Amino acid sequence: MPFIHDLLYRLEIKISTMVSAIRVRLIDSTGTAINPSTTENQTNGNQTVRIVNSGNIPVAVDSLTKSLVNLDWEHSMVHSEKTYTISYRAPAVAINGYLDIHLTGVTNDAHLKVNYSSEGKAIFNSYVGTTYTNEGTTLTPWNRCICATNVATTLVRLNPTINVLGSKRTDEFVGSAGAAVTRAGGVGGSNIETIINPGCDILLRLQNISGSTSDLQMTLNFYELLPE
């Protein structure tokens, strides 16, 4: 079937979009590469697709199912030493008080996911276009690869002094509804990443509305890539 063989061979041209230097080529049942010029003449049904890296080493295959072993993209970014975390807990935040963290893109795009929790009822909001009279205290993200030397270019700052709040993006409730359970806290977060481009800023705000002092927590996970 020359048409199918031609399609398989063409897979060799472009498969490095997500993984550097990965390529596909045709081999026969003995492991010998099929010469492209003779591919159309192969009619004995023993052609297969083999995926190798730039060192010509086959990609890992599961021993039971024979399927390719894959890493999800976020896991791959940890291996690439480009993933960072900030985890901050504010104890005994006053009634209607805030935990504010804002991130500013500098050199790279930051691909961000946020998780938050509160001891009592709380509201989580995010804003863009915020202006500040004081940028706040700088927090240092740590690399998810323990021995890595890469550092984040994204600026992360705690409890800035806000001049203009900006435009609201996120408005989420944390905890149980009803005055009788105001002390019932909860957790929340995002499943879809937000990208913070160089020169852009986002304010993340968690407000205690429990009617009493309450611990508030935010954990920010992000990886960085050069802008496209």
Protein backbone atom coordinates (compact mmCIF):
# COMPACT_ATOMS: atom_id res chain seq x y z
CA MET A 1 0.00 0.00 0.00
CA PRO A 2 2.28 2.79 -1.28
CA PHE A 3 -0.01 5.57 -0.03
CA ILE A 4 0.15 4.41 3.61
CA HIS A 5 3.89 3.84 3.40
CA ASP A 6 4.33 7.35 2.08
CA LEU A 7 2.29 8.79 4.95
CA LEU A 8 4.33 6.90 7.54
CA TYR A 9 7.56 8.04 6.00
CA ARG A 10 6.41 11.64 6.04
CA LEU A 11 6.03 11.43 9.84
CA GLU A 12 9.84 11.58 9.93
CA ILE A 13 9.78 15.16 8.70
CA LYS A 14 8.13 16.95 11.66
CA ILE A 15 7.72 15.48 15.11
CA SER A 16 10.00 17.82 17.05
CA THR A 17 7.30 20.35 17.89
CA MET A 18 6.94 19.32 21.54
CA VAL A 19 10.04 17.18 22.12
CA SER A 20 13.40 18.31 20.81
CA ALA A 21 15.04 16.20 18.13
CA ILE A 22 12.47 13.40 18.15
CA ARG A 23 11.94 11.75 14.77
CA VAL A 24 10.02 8.85 13.28
CA ARG A 25 11.46 6.48 10.68
CA LEU A 26 10.48 3.20 9.05
CA ILE A 27 12.19 -0.06 9.96
CA ASP A 28 11.54 -3.63 8.94
CA SER A 29 11.00 -6.59 11.26
CA THR A 30 14.77 -7.08 11.65
CA GLY A 31 15.29 -3.50 12.83
CA THR A 32 16.85 -2.38 9.55
CA ALA A 33 15.88 1.07 8.32
CA ILE A 34 13.90 1.03 5.09
CA ASN A 35 15.43 3.10 2.31
CA PRO A 36 12.91 5.83 1.40
CA SER A 37 13.48 5.19 -2.29
CA THR A 38 12.31 1.59 -1.94
CA THR A 39 9.48 2.20 0.54
CA GLU A 40 6.81 2.04 -2.15
CA ASN A 41 8.05 -1.40 -3.17
CA GLN A 42 7.68 -2.88 0.33
CA THR A 43 4.55 -5.01 0.13
CA ASN A 44 5.25 -7.80 2.63
CA GLY A 45 3.53 -6.04 5.55
CA ASN A 46 6.56 -5.92 7.89
CA GLN A 47 6.94 -2.13 8.11
CA THR A 48 6.73 -0.51 11.57
CA VAL A 49 7.16 2.95 13.02
CA ARG A 50 10.08 3.51 15.36
CA ILE A 51 10.51 6.63 17.51
CA VAL A 52 14.06 7.52 18.50
CA ASN A 53 15.72 10.53 20.11
CA SER A 54 18.61 12.57 18.73
CA GLY A 55 21.04 9.89 19.91
CA ASN A 56 19.14 7.22 17.94
CA ILE A 57 17.94 5.67 21.22
CA PRO A 58 14.39 4.25 21.12
CA VAL A 59 11.77 5.97 23.28
CA ALA A 60 10.67 3.94 26.35
CA VAL A 61 7.87 1.41 25.83
CA ASP A 62 5.67 -0.13 28.54
CA SER A 63 6.59 -3.81 28.97
CA LEU A 64 2.98 -4.98 29.38
CA THR A 65 0.93 -2.92 26.93
CA LYS A 66 3.78 -2.08 24.52
CA SER A 67 2.53 1.51 24.47
CA LEU A 68 4.83 4.52 24.53
CA VAL A 69 5.78 5.87 27.94
CA ASN A 70 4.91 9.57 27.97
CA LEU A 71 5.47 12.46 30.37
CA ASP A 72 2.82 15.14 30.59
CA TRP A 73 4.05 18.62 29.71
CA GLU A 74 4.10 20.00 33.28
CA HIS A 75 6.12 16.98 34.45
CA SER A 76 8.53 17.56 31.59
CA MET A 77 9.00 21.18 32.71
CA VAL A 78 10.02 19.94 36.17
CA HIS A 79 12.65 17.73 34.51
CA SER A 80 13.79 20.75 32.51
CA GLU A 81 14.29 22.68 35.78
CA LYS A 82 11.85 25.41 34.70
CA THR A 83 9.08 24.91 37.28
CA TYR A 84 8.80 27.00 40.44
CA THR A 85 6.65 27.20 43.56
CA ILE A 86 5.69 29.84 46.09
CA SER A 87 3.78 28.65 49.15
CA TYR A 88 2.72 31.24 51.71
CA ARG A 89 0.49 31.00 54.80
CA ALA A 90 -0.78 34.11 56.55
CA PRO A 91 -1.80 33.25 60.14
CA ALA A 92 -4.68 34.89 61.99
CA VAL A 93 -5.72 37.32 59.26
CA ALA A 94 -8.15 39.90 60.65
CA ILE A 95 -11.86 39.93 59.81
CA ASN A 96 -12.24 41.14 56.18
CA GLY A 97 -8.45 41.22 55.89
CA TYR A 98 -6.49 40.05 52.83
CA LEU A 99 -3.66 37.87 51.68
CA ASP A 100 -2.41 39.60 48.51
CA ILE A 101 0.25 38.25 46.16
CA HIS A 102 1.05 39.78 42.78
CA LEU A 103 3.19 38.42 39.98
CA THR A 104 4.92 40.43 37.26
CA GLY A 105 6.33 38.91 34.08
CA VAL A 106 9.86 40.03 33.23
CA THR A 107 11.74 37.94 30.64
CA ASN A 108 9.69 34.75 30.30
CA ASP A 109 6.04 33.78 30.10
CA ALA A 110 4.94 32.36 33.45
CA HIS A 111 2.37 29.56 33.08
CA LEU A 112 0.58 29.75 36.43
CA LYS A 113 -1.80 27.57 38.44
CA VAL A 114 -3.07 28.77 41.82
CA ASN A 115 -4.26 26.82 44.86
CA TYR A 116 -5.66 28.44 47.98
CA SER A 117 -7.20 27.47 51.29
CA SER A 118 -8.75 29.19 54.28
CA GLU A 119 -9.53 28.28 57.86
CA GLY A 120 -12.92 30.00 57.56
CA LYS A 121 -15.11 31.39 54.78
CA ALA A 122 -13.19 33.41 52.22
CA ILE A 123 -13.40 34.99 48.77
CA PHE A 124 -10.71 34.57 46.11
CA ASN A 125 -10.32 37.28 43.46
CA SER A 126 -7.75 38.08 40.81
CA TYR A 127 -7.19 41.41 39.08
CA VAL A 128 -5.26 42.86 36.16
CA GLY A 129 -4.39 46.49 35.55
CA THR A 130 -3.68 47.03 39.25
CA THR A 131 -1.39 49.89 40.21
CA TYR A 132 0.62 50.04 43.42
CA THR A 133 2.12 52.72 45.64
CA ASN A 134 4.35 50.02 47.12
CA GLU A 135 5.15 46.74 45.32
CA GLY A 136 5.28 44.73 48.55
CA THR A 137 7.77 42.22 49.95
CA THR A 138 9.63 40.09 47.41
CA LEU A 139 9.10 36.34 47.68
CA THR A 140 11.63 33.92 46.18
CA PRO A 141 10.15 31.00 44.21
CA TRP A 142 11.93 27.68 44.68
CA ASN A 143 12.74 25.34 41.83
CA ARG A 144 10.83 22.02 41.84
CA CYS A 145 14.08 20.28 40.86
CA ILE A 146 15.95 20.41 44.17
CA CYS A 147 19.52 20.67 42.87
CA ALA A 148 18.70 22.97 39.94
CA THR A 149 20.48 26.30 39.55
CA ASN A 150 17.82 27.93 37.37
CA VAL A 151 15.97 30.82 39.02
CA ALA A 152 12.62 32.32 38.08
CA THR A 153 12.58 35.60 36.21
CA THR A 154 8.97 36.29 37.25
CA LEU A 155 8.68 38.70 40.17
CA VAL A 156 6.46 37.55 43.06
CA ARG A 157 5.58 40.06 45.79
CA LEU A 158 3.54 39.87 48.98
CA ASN A 159 0.95 42.31 50.34
CA PRO A 160 1.59 45.35 48.14
CA THR A 161 0.01 48.72 48.84
CA ILE A 162 -2.67 49.12 46.19
CA ASN A 163 -3.47 52.39 44.47
CA VAL A 164 -6.02 51.28 41.83
CA LEU A 165 -7.41 47.75 42.14
CA GLY A 166 -7.89 47.19 38.41
CA SER A 167 -10.22 44.84 36.54
CA LYS A 168 -11.57 41.76 38.30
CA ARG A 169 -11.01 38.42 36.57
CA THR A 170 -11.78 35.73 39.15
CA ASP A 171 -14.50 35.78 41.83
CA GLU A 172 -14.71 32.51 43.77
CA PHE A 173 -16.22 31.50 47.10
CA VAL A 174 -14.25 29.39 49.57
CA GLY A 175 -16.02 27.48 52.36
CA SER A 176 -19.61 26.63 53.27
CA ALA A 177 -22.61 28.88 52.79
CA GLY A 178 -24.71 30.24 55.66
CA ALA A 179 -23.98 32.30 58.75
CA ALA A 180 -24.08 29.26 61.04
CA VAL A 181 -21.00 27.75 59.45
CA THR A 182 -18.86 30.82 58.83
CA ARG A 183 -15.91 29.03 60.40
CA ALA A 184 -16.13 26.20 57.85
CA GLY A 185 -13.19 26.84 55.55
CA GLY A 186 -12.26 25.20 52.31
CA VAL A 187 -9.85 24.89 49.43
CA GLY A 188 -9.88 25.89 45.79
CA GLY A 189 -7.69 26.40 42.78
CA SER A 190 -7.36 26.46 39.02
CA ASN A 191 -7.13 23.51 36.63
CA ILE A 192 -6.29 25.69 33.63
CA GLU A 193 -3.11 27.74 33.60
CA THR A 194 -2.94 31.52 33.35
CA ILE A 195 -0.07 32.94 31.31
CA ILE A 196 1.65 36.05 32.65
CA ASN A 197 3.56 37.65 29.79
CA PRO A 198 6.59 39.93 30.22
CA GLY A 199 5.42 43.38 31.28
CA CYS A 200 2.08 42.07 32.58
CA ASP A 201 0.94 41.83 36.21
CA ILE A 202 -1.74 39.88 38.04
CA LEU A 203 -2.94 40.41 41.60
CA LEU A 204 -4.19 37.38 43.53
CA ARG A 205 -6.34 38.23 46.57
CA LEU A 206 -7.77 35.95 49.26
CA GLN A 207 -10.10 37.74 51.72
CA ASN A 208 -11.21 36.46 55.12
CA ILE A 209 -15.00 36.82 55.46
CA SER A 210 -15.44 34.26 58.26
CA GLY A 211 -16.40 36.78 60.96
CA SER A 212 -13.30 35.89 62.97
CA THR A 213 -9.54 35.77 62.50
CA SER A 214 -8.55 33.07 60.05
CA ASP A 215 -5.43 31.50 58.52
CA LEU A 216 -5.17 32.01 54.76
CA GLN A 217 -2.90 30.10 52.37
CA MET A 218 -1.85 30.42 48.73
CA THR A 219 0.37 28.08 46.73
CA LEU A 220 1.49 29.19 43.28
CA ASN A 221 3.00 26.74 40.81
CA PHE A 222 4.34 28.01 37.50
CA TYR A 223 6.79 27.10 34.77
CA GLU A 224 8.57 29.57 32.53
CA LEU A 225 9.08 29.61 28.77
CA LEU A 226 10.42 32.21 26.41
CA PRO A 227 7.58 34.14 24.73
CA GLU A 228 6.54 32.79 21.35
